[in-house]
Amino acid sequence: MMEMNNGNTVDITLEEDEAGQELVVFSLDHRSLLRLTPYQARVLATELIMAVNRAEVRGNLKRSHRPPRMPEPVVSGGLLRQLFTK
């Protein structure tokens, strides 16, 4: 079960229909919204994962297009001097 931002709950369960076929059932606040075959549920899951990946990539691209921060000034006698004095 997963609680949404608005307080609703989403539940995903496995049920068997009258013919004995397994169904993946998506419920919102205990009301059945989708009754999918395993194949249909897998396609939906794939589409959901692809949408999440696209959203994450877009978010990362937006963050990477911000102006770069100014580099810290090199302090005299710092790491570079230590490397070259050996």
PDB file of N, CA and C in Angstrom:
ATOM      1  N   MET A   1       0.845  -1.170   0.000  1.00  0.00           N
ATOM      2  CA  MET A   1       0.000   0.000   0.000  1.00  0.00           C
ATOM      3  C   MET A   1       0.893   1.238   0.000  1.00  0.00           C
ATOM      4  N   MET A   2       0.463   2.257  -0.715  1.00  0.00           N
ATOM      5  CA  MET A   2       1.215   3.501  -0.801  1.00  0.00           C
ATOM      6  C   MET A   2       0.258   4.658  -0.539  1.00  0.00           C
ATOM      7  N   GLU A   3       0.678   5.574   0.312  1.00  0.00           N
ATOM      8  CA  GLU A   3      -0.154   6.742   0.587  1.00  0.00           C
ATOM      9  C   GLU A   3       0.260   7.876  -0.330  1.00  0.00           C
ATOM     10  N   MET A   4      -0.724   8.519  -0.945  1.00  0.00           N
ATOM     11  CA  MET A   4      -0.472   9.628  -1.862  1.00  0.00           C
ATOM     12  C   MET A   4      -0.401  10.934  -1.077  1.00  0.00           C
ATOM     13  N   ASN A   5       0.005  12.017  -1.758  1.00  0.00           N
ATOM     14  CA  ASN A   5       0.119  13.324  -1.109  1.00  0.00           C
ATOM     15  C   ASN A   5      -1.208  13.825  -0.555  1.00  0.00           C
ATOM     16  N   ASN A   6      -2.299  13.496  -1.208  1.00  0.00           N
ATOM     17  CA  ASN A   6      -3.607  13.990  -0.781  1.00  0.00           C
ATOM     18  C   ASN A   6      -4.275  13.093   0.266  1.00  0.00           C
ATOM     19  N   GLY A   7      -3.566  12.084   0.748  1.00  0.00           N
ATOM     20  CA  GLY A   7      -4.109  11.206   1.776  1.00  0.00           C
ATOM     21  C   GLY A   7      -4.760   9.946   1.243  1.00  0.00           C
ATOM     22  N   ASN A   8      -5.006   9.877  -0.072  1.00  0.00           N
ATOM     23  CA  ASN A   8      -5.560   8.657  -0.649  1.00  0.00           C
ATOM     24  C   ASN A   8      -4.523   7.545  -0.583  1.00  0.00           C
ATOM     25  N   THR A   9      -4.996   6.307  -0.643  1.00  0.00           N
ATOM     26  CA  THR A   9      -4.084   5.169  -0.660  1.00  0.00           C
ATOM     27  C   THR A   9      -4.260   4.384  -1.950  1.00  0.00           C
ATOM     28  N   VAL A  10      -3.127   3.924  -2.465  1.00  0.00           N
ATOM     29  CA  VAL A  10      -3.119   3.070  -3.650  1.00  0.00           C
ATOM     30  C   VAL A  10      -2.671   1.696  -3.189  1.00  0.00           C
ATOM     31  N   ASP A  11      -3.412   0.697  -3.600  1.00  0.00           N
ATOM     32  CA  ASP A  11      -3.087  -0.667  -3.213  1.00  0.00           C
ATOM     33  C   ASP A  11      -3.017  -1.519  -4.474  1.00  0.00           C
ATOM     34  N   ILE A  12      -2.022  -2.381  -4.549  1.00  0.00           N
ATOM     35  CA  ILE A  12      -1.854  -3.287  -5.687  1.00  0.00           C
ATOM     36  C   ILE A  12      -1.905  -4.702  -5.139  1.00  0.00           C
ATOM     37  N   THR A  13      -2.866  -5.465  -5.622  1.00  0.00           N
ATOM     38  CA  THR A  13      -3.048  -6.829  -5.122  1.00  0.00           C
ATOM     39  C   THR A  13      -3.163  -7.798  -6.288  1.00  0.00           C
ATOM     40  N   LEU A  14      -3.037  -9.059  -5.962  1.00  0.00           N
ATOM     41  CA  LEU A  14      -3.209 -10.126  -6.937  1.00  0.00           C
ATOM     42  C   LEU A  14      -4.485 -10.879  -6.565  1.00  0.00           C
ATOM     43  N   GLU A  15      -5.390 -11.003  -7.530  1.00  0.00           N
ATOM     44  CA  GLU A  15      -6.655 -11.703  -7.302  1.00  0.00           C
ATOM     45  C   GLU A  15      -6.864 -12.730  -8.408  1.00  0.00           C
ATOM     46  N   GLU A  16      -7.759 -13.635  -8.157  1.00  0.00           N
ATOM     47  CA  GLU A  16      -8.113 -14.642  -9.142  1.00  0.00           C
ATOM     48  C   GLU A  16      -9.564 -14.404  -9.563  1.00  0.00           C
ATOM     49  N   ASP A  17      -9.818 -14.383 -10.885  1.00  0.00           N
ATOM     50  CA  ASP A  17     -11.188 -14.185 -11.352  1.00  0.00           C
ATOM     51  C   ASP A  17     -11.948 -15.511 -11.344  1.00  0.00           C
ATOM     52  N   GLU A  18     -13.200 -15.486 -11.815  1.00  0.00           N
ATOM     53  CA  GLU A  18     -14.062 -16.673 -11.798  1.00  0.00           C
ATOM     54  C   GLU A  18     -13.511 -17.815 -12.637  1.00  0.00           C
ATOM     55  N   ALA A  19     -12.759 -17.471 -13.684  1.00  0.00           N
ATOM     56  CA  ALA A  19     -12.188 -18.478 -14.575  1.00  0.00           C
ATOM     57  C   ALA A  19     -10.850 -19.011 -14.063  1.00  0.00           C
ATOM     58  N   GLY A  20     -10.384 -18.500 -12.938  1.00  0.00           N
ATOM     59  CA  GLY A  20      -9.127 -18.948 -12.377  1.00  0.00           C
ATOM     60  C   GLY A  20      -7.908 -18.197 -12.879  1.00  0.00           C
ATOM     61  N   GLN A  21      -8.144 -17.130 -13.648  1.00  0.00           N
ATOM     62  CA  GLN A  21      -7.034 -16.334 -14.172  1.00  0.00           C
ATOM     63  C   GLN A  21      -6.579 -15.323 -13.121  1.00  0.00           C
ATOM     64  N   GLU A  22      -5.264 -15.197 -12.961  1.00  0.00           N
ATOM     65  CA  GLU A  22      -4.709 -14.223 -12.020  1.00  0.00           C
ATOM     66  C   GLU A  22      -4.827 -12.827 -12.609  1.00  0.00           C
ATOM     67  N   LEU A  23      -5.218 -11.871 -11.774  1.00  0.00           N
ATOM     68  CA  LEU A  23      -5.336 -10.480 -12.182  1.00  0.00           C
ATOM     69  C   LEU A  23      -4.602  -9.594 -11.187  1.00  0.00           C
ATOM     70  N   VAL A  24      -3.938  -8.580 -11.706  1.00  0.00           N
ATOM     71  CA  VAL A  24      -3.311  -7.567 -10.871  1.00  0.00           C
ATOM     72  C   VAL A  24      -4.332  -6.441 -10.732  1.00  0.00           C
ATOM     73  N   VAL A  25      -4.697  -6.128  -9.485  1.00  0.00           N
ATOM     74  CA  VAL A  25      -5.762  -5.154  -9.232  1.00  0.00           C
ATOM     75  C   VAL A  25      -5.169  -3.908  -8.581  1.00  0.00           C
ATOM     76  N   PHE A  26      -5.401  -2.755  -9.202  1.00  0.00           N
ATOM     77  CA  PHE A  26      -5.009  -1.465  -8.655  1.00  0.00           C
ATOM     78  C   PHE A  26      -6.244  -0.834  -8.037  1.00  0.00           C
ATOM     79  N   SER A  27      -6.137  -0.495  -6.772  1.00  0.00           N
ATOM     80  CA  SER A  27      -7.273   0.102  -6.060  1.00  0.00           C
ATOM     81  C   SER A  27      -6.858   1.449  -5.496  1.00  0.00           C
ATOM     82  N   LEU A  28      -7.781   2.396  -5.547  1.00  0.00           N
ATOM     83  CA  LEU A  28      -7.598   3.702  -4.928  1.00  0.00           C
ATOM     84  C   LEU A  28      -8.627   3.813  -3.820  1.00  0.00           C
ATOM     85  N   ASP A  29      -8.162   3.955  -2.601  1.00  0.00           N
ATOM     86  CA  ASP A  29      -9.046   4.000  -1.432  1.00  0.00           C
ATOM     87  C   ASP A  29     -10.025   2.830  -1.423  1.00  0.00           C
ATOM     88  N   HIS A  30      -9.502   1.650  -1.690  1.00  0.00           N
ATOM     89  CA  HIS A  30     -10.242   0.376  -1.632  1.00  0.00           C
ATOM     90  C   HIS A  30     -11.324   0.254  -2.703  1.00  0.00           C
ATOM     91  N   ARG A  31     -11.280   1.097  -3.748  1.00  0.00           N
ATOM     92  CA  ARG A  31     -12.170   0.938  -4.905  1.00  0.00           C
ATOM     93  C   ARG A  31     -11.324   0.442  -6.060  1.00  0.00           C
ATOM     94  N   SER A  32     -11.699  -0.652  -6.663  1.00  0.00           N
ATOM     95  CA  SER A  32     -10.931  -1.250  -7.746  1.00  0.00           C
ATOM     96  C   SER A  32     -10.995  -0.348  -8.982  1.00  0.00           C
ATOM     97  N   LEU A  33      -9.826   0.086  -9.439  1.00  0.00           N
ATOM     98  CA  LEU A  33      -9.766   0.939 -10.622  1.00  0.00           C
ATOM     99  C   LEU A  33      -9.359   0.173 -11.863  1.00  0.00           C
ATOM    100  N   LEU A  34      -8.367  -0.701 -11.714  1.00  0.00           N
ATOM    101  CA  LEU A  34      -7.860  -1.462 -12.849  1.00  0.00           C
ATOM    102  C   LEU A  34      -7.747  -2.924 -12.463  1.00  0.00           C
ATOM    103  N   ARG A  35      -8.192  -3.778 -13.345  1.00  0.00           N
ATOM    104  CA  ARG A  35      -8.017  -5.219 -13.186  1.00  0.00           C
ATOM    105  C   ARG A  35      -7.298  -5.685 -14.437  1.00  0.00           C
ATOM    106  N   LEU A  36      -5.996  -5.971 -14.297  1.00  0.00           N
ATOM    107  CA  LEU A  36      -5.146  -6.246 -15.446  1.00  0.00           C
ATOM    108  C   LEU A  36      -4.622  -7.672 -15.427  1.00  0.00           C
ATOM    109  N   THR A  37      -4.453  -8.217 -16.627  1.00  0.00           N
ATOM    110  CA  THR A  37      -3.760  -9.501 -16.729  1.00  0.00           C
ATOM    111  C   THR A  37      -2.287  -9.245 -16.374  1.00  0.00           C
ATOM    112  N   PRO A  38      -1.548 -10.277 -16.039  1.00  0.00           N
ATOM    113  CA  PRO A  38      -0.124 -10.054 -15.756  1.00  0.00           C
ATOM    114  C   PRO A  38       0.608  -9.369 -16.917  1.00  0.00           C
ATOM    115  N   TYR A  39       0.272  -9.728 -18.146  1.00  0.00           N
ATOM    116  CA  TYR A  39       0.904  -9.082 -19.302  1.00  0.00           C
ATOM    117  C   TYR A  39       0.583  -7.585 -19.326  1.00  0.00           C
ATOM    118  N   GLN A  40      -0.682  -7.235 -19.139  1.00  0.00           N
ATOM    119  CA  GLN A  40      -1.073  -5.828 -19.143  1.00  0.00           C
ATOM    120  C   GLN A  40      -0.389  -5.064 -18.008  1.00  0.00           C
ATOM    121  N   ALA A  41      -0.281  -5.689 -16.846  1.00  0.00           N
ATOM    122  CA  ALA A  41       0.377  -5.046 -15.708  1.00  0.00           C
ATOM    123  C   ALA A  41       1.854  -4.820 -15.999  1.00  0.00           C
ATOM    124  N   ARG A  42       2.495  -5.783 -16.673  1.00  0.00           N
ATOM    125  CA  ARG A  42       3.907  -5.635 -17.022  1.00  0.00           C
ATOM    126  C   ARG A  42       4.093  -4.481 -18.015  1.00  0.00           C
ATOM    127  N   VAL A  43       3.208  -4.361 -19.001  1.00  0.00           N
ATOM    128  CA  VAL A  43       3.293  -3.252 -19.961  1.00  0.00           C
ATOM    129  C   VAL A  43       3.111  -1.923 -19.234  1.00  0.00           C
ATOM    130  N   LEU A  44       2.139  -1.854 -18.335  1.00  0.00           N
ATOM    131  CA  LEU A  44       1.911  -0.632 -17.564  1.00  0.00           C
ATOM    132  C   LEU A  44       3.134  -0.300 -16.702  1.00  0.00           C
ATOM    133  N   ALA A  45       3.714  -1.305 -16.061  1.00  0.00           N
ATOM    134  CA  ALA A  45       4.898  -1.091 -15.230  1.00  0.00           C
ATOM    135  C   ALA A  45       6.061  -0.577 -16.072  1.00  0.00           C
ATOM    136  N   THR A  46       6.238  -1.121 -17.261  1.00  0.00           N
ATOM    137  CA  THR A  46       7.309  -0.680 -18.155  1.00  0.00           C
ATOM    138  C   THR A  46       7.099   0.775 -18.550  1.00  0.00           C
ATOM    139  N   GLU A  47       5.876   1.128 -18.901  1.00  0.00           N
ATOM    140  CA  GLU A  47       5.569   2.510 -19.275  1.00  0.00           C
ATOM    141  C   GLU A  47       5.802   3.451 -18.092  1.00  0.00           C
ATOM    142  N   LEU A  48       5.444   3.026 -16.908  1.00  0.00           N
ATOM    143  CA  LEU A  48       5.646   3.838 -15.710  1.00  0.00           C
ATOM    144  C   LEU A  48       7.137   4.051 -15.455  1.00  0.00           C
ATOM    145  N   ILE A  49       7.927   2.999 -15.555  1.00  0.00           N
ATOM    146  CA  ILE A  49       9.369   3.114 -15.338  1.00  0.00           C
ATOM    147  C   ILE A  49       9.990   4.040 -16.382  1.00  0.00           C
ATOM    148  N   MET A  50       9.574   3.929 -17.639  1.00  0.00           N
ATOM    149  CA  MET A  50      10.126   4.799 -18.679  1.00  0.00           C
ATOM    150  C   MET A  50       9.766   6.257 -18.410  1.00  0.00           C
ATOM    151  N   ALA A  51       8.537   6.522 -17.954  1.00  0.00           N
ATOM    152  CA  ALA A  51       8.130   7.893 -17.643  1.00  0.00           C
ATOM    153  C   ALA A  51       8.933   8.446 -16.465  1.00  0.00           C
ATOM    154  N   VAL A  52       9.164   7.626 -15.466  1.00  0.00           N
ATOM    155  CA  VAL A  52       9.963   8.057 -14.312  1.00  0.00           C
ATOM    156  C   VAL A  52      11.388   8.357 -14.755  1.00  0.00           C
ATOM    157  N   ASN A  53      11.962   7.521 -15.587  1.00  0.00           N
ATOM    158  CA  ASN A  53      13.325   7.764 -16.090  1.00  0.00           C
ATOM    159  C   ASN A  53      13.396   9.080 -16.860  1.00  0.00           C
ATOM    160  N   ARG A  54      12.395   9.336 -17.711  1.00  0.00           N
ATOM    161  CA  ARG A  54      12.382  10.599 -18.462  1.00  0.00           C
ATOM    162  C   ARG A  54      12.300  11.790 -17.513  1.00  0.00           C
ATOM    163  N   ALA A  55      11.454  11.682 -16.487  1.00  0.00           N
ATOM    164  CA  ALA A  55      11.318  12.774 -15.525  1.00  0.00           C
ATOM    165  C   ALA A  55      12.627  13.012 -14.781  1.00  0.00           C
ATOM    166  N   GLU A  56      13.321  11.948 -14.401  1.00  0.00           N
ATOM    167  CA  GLU A  56      14.594  12.093 -13.701  1.00  0.00           C
ATOM    168  C   GLU A  56      15.648  12.715 -14.604  1.00  0.00           C
ATOM    169  N   VAL A  57      15.695  12.306 -15.867  1.00  0.00           N
ATOM    170  CA  VAL A  57      16.662  12.881 -16.807  1.00  0.00           C
ATOM    171  C   VAL A  57      16.384  14.363 -17.000  1.00  0.00           C
ATOM    172  N   ARG A  58      15.129  14.723 -17.180  1.00  0.00           N
ATOM    173  CA  ARG A  58      14.786  16.147 -17.343  1.00  0.00           C
ATOM    174  C   ARG A  58      15.200  16.945 -16.119  1.00  0.00           C
ATOM    175  N   GLY A  59      14.930  16.411 -14.938  1.00  0.00           N
ATOM    176  CA  GLY A  59      15.326  17.097 -13.709  1.00  0.00           C
ATOM    177  C   GLY A  59      16.824  17.270 -13.620  1.00  0.00           C
ATOM    178  N   ASN A  60      17.568  16.226 -13.989  1.00  0.00           N
ATOM    179  CA  ASN A  60      19.035  16.313 -13.962  1.00  0.00           C
ATOM    180  C   ASN A  60      19.545  17.320 -14.981  1.00  0.00           C
ATOM    181  N   LEU A  61      18.917  17.352 -16.162  1.00  0.00           N
ATOM    182  CA  LEU A  61      19.335  18.315 -17.182  1.00  0.00           C
ATOM    183  C   LEU A  61      19.068  19.745 -16.724  1.00  0.00           C
ATOM    184  N   LYS A  62      17.942  19.975 -16.085  1.00  0.00           N
ATOM    185  CA  LYS A  62      17.638  21.314 -15.590  1.00  0.00           C
ATOM    186  C   LYS A  62      18.661  21.741 -14.551  1.00  0.00           C
ATOM    187  N   ARG A  63      19.032  20.823 -13.669  1.00  0.00           N
ATOM    188  CA  ARG A  63      20.021  21.159 -12.639  1.00  0.00           C
ATOM    189  C   ARG A  63      21.402  21.372 -13.252  1.00  0.00           C
ATOM    190  N   SER A  64      21.730  20.641 -14.304  1.00  0.00           N
ATOM    191  CA  SER A  64      23.073  20.761 -14.892  1.00  0.00           C
ATOM    192  C   SER A  64      23.212  22.017 -15.747  1.00  0.00           C
ATOM    193  N   HIS A  65      22.117  22.652 -16.123  1.00  0.00           N
ATOM    194  CA  HIS A  65      22.191  23.867 -16.937  1.00  0.00           C
ATOM    195  C   HIS A  65      22.263  25.131 -16.099  1.00  0.00           C
ATOM    196  N   ARG A  66      22.341  25.001 -14.809  1.00  0.00           N
ATOM    197  CA  ARG A  66      22.510  26.177 -13.955  1.00  0.00           C
ATOM    198  C   ARG A  66      23.930  26.704 -14.166  1.00  0.00           C
ATOM    199  N   PRO A  67      24.111  28.001 -13.969  1.00  0.00           N
ATOM    200  CA  PRO A  67      25.463  28.540 -14.144  1.00  0.00           C
ATOM    201  C   PRO A  67      26.425  27.872 -13.156  1.00  0.00           C
ATOM    202  N   PRO A  68      27.625  27.584 -13.624  1.00  0.00           N
ATOM    203  CA  PRO A  68      28.583  26.915 -12.734  1.00  0.00           C
ATOM    204  C   PRO A  68      29.007  27.840 -11.600  1.00  0.00           C
ATOM    205  N   ARG A  69      29.315  27.232 -10.475  1.00  0.00           N
ATOM    206  CA  ARG A  69      29.806  28.019  -9.344  1.00  0.00           C
ATOM    207  C   ARG A  69      31.245  28.432  -9.634  1.00  0.00           C
ATOM    208  N   MET A  70      31.626  29.549  -9.071  1.00  0.00           N
ATOM    209  CA  MET A  70      32.993  30.024  -9.226  1.00  0.00           C
ATOM    210  C   MET A  70      33.919  29.070  -8.479  1.00  0.00           C
ATOM    211  N   PRO A  71      35.049  28.720  -9.092  1.00  0.00           N
ATOM    212  CA  PRO A  71      35.982  27.823  -8.402  1.00  0.00           C
ATOM    213  C   PRO A  71      36.584  28.504  -7.185  1.00  0.00           C
ATOM    214  N   GLU A  72      36.923  27.712  -6.218  1.00  0.00           N
ATOM    215  CA  GLU A  72      37.572  28.227  -5.020  1.00  0.00           C
ATOM    216  C   GLU A  72      38.964  28.728  -5.406  1.00  0.00           C
ATOM    217  N   PRO A  73      39.429  29.824  -4.827  1.00  0.00           N
ATOM    218  CA  PRO A  73      40.775  30.312  -5.146  1.00  0.00           C
ATOM    219  C   PRO A  73      41.830  29.331  -4.648  1.00  0.00           C
ATOM    220  N   VAL A  74      42.894  29.233  -5.419  1.00  0.00           N
ATOM    221  CA  VAL A  74      43.996  28.355  -5.038  1.00  0.00           C
ATOM    222  C   VAL A  74      44.797  29.063  -3.963  1.00  0.00           C
ATOM    223  N   VAL A  75      45.002  28.403  -2.864  1.00  0.00           N
ATOM    224  CA  VAL A  75      45.739  28.986  -1.748  1.00  0.00           C
ATOM    225  C   VAL A  75      47.214  28.681  -1.940  1.00  0.00           C
ATOM    226  N   SER A  76      48.031  29.689  -1.783  1.00  0.00           N
ATOM    227  CA  SER A  76      49.467  29.513  -1.907  1.00  0.00           C
ATOM    228  C   SER A  76      49.944  28.478  -0.901  1.00  0.00           C
ATOM    229  N   GLY A  77      50.752  27.558  -1.382  1.00  0.00           N
ATOM    230  CA  GLY A  77      51.251  26.518  -0.499  1.00  0.00           C
ATOM    231  C   GLY A  77      50.267  25.376  -0.359  1.00  0.00           C
ATOM    232  N   GLY A  78      49.294  25.331  -1.243  1.00  0.00           N
ATOM    233  CA  GLY A  78      48.281  24.289  -1.166  1.00  0.00           C
ATOM    234  C   GLY A  78      48.737  22.998  -1.804  1.00  0.00           C
ATOM    235  N   LEU A  79      47.798  22.245  -2.288  1.00  0.00           N
ATOM    236  CA  LEU A  79      48.041  20.912  -2.825  1.00  0.00           C
ATOM    237  C   LEU A  79      48.977  20.942  -4.036  1.00  0.00           C
ATOM    238  N   LEU A  80      48.803  21.923  -4.932  1.00  0.00           N
ATOM    239  CA  LEU A  80      49.668  21.974  -6.114  1.00  0.00           C
ATOM    240  C   LEU A  80      51.137  22.174  -5.719  1.00  0.00           C
ATOM    241  N   ARG A  81      51.381  23.050  -4.777  1.00  0.00           N
ATOM    242  CA  ARG A  81      52.767  23.277  -4.353  1.00  0.00           C
ATOM    243  C   ARG A  81      53.333  22.016  -3.723  1.00  0.00           C
ATOM    244  N   GLN A  82      52.517  21.313  -2.964  1.00  0.00           N
ATOM    245  CA  GLN A  82      52.982  20.069  -2.342  1.00  0.00           C
ATOM    246  C   GLN A  82      53.341  19.046  -3.397  1.00  0.00           C
ATOM    247  N   LEU A  83      52.562  18.978  -4.480  1.00  0.00           N
ATOM    248  CA  LEU A  83      52.821  18.002  -5.530  1.00  0.00           C
ATOM    249  C   LEU A  83      54.110  18.307  -6.269  1.00  0.00           C
ATOM    250  N   PHE A  84      54.391  19.589  -6.534  1.00  0.00           N
ATOM    251  CA  PHE A  84      55.529  19.936  -7.359  1.00  0.00           C
ATOM    252  C   PHE A  84      56.825  20.113  -6.555  1.00  0.00           C
ATOM    253  N   THR A  85      56.765  20.147  -5.258  1.00  0.00           N
ATOM    254  CA  THR A  85      57.988  20.310  -4.474  1.00  0.00           C
ATOM    255  C   THR A  85      58.615  18.996  -4.114  1.00  0.00           C
ATOM    256  N   LYS A  86      57.977  17.904  -4.415  1.00  0.00           N
ATOM    257  CA  LYS A  86      58.539  16.575  -4.089  1.00  0.00           C
ATOM    258  C   LYS A  86      59.527  16.134  -5.116  1.00  0.00           C
TER     259      LYS A  86
END
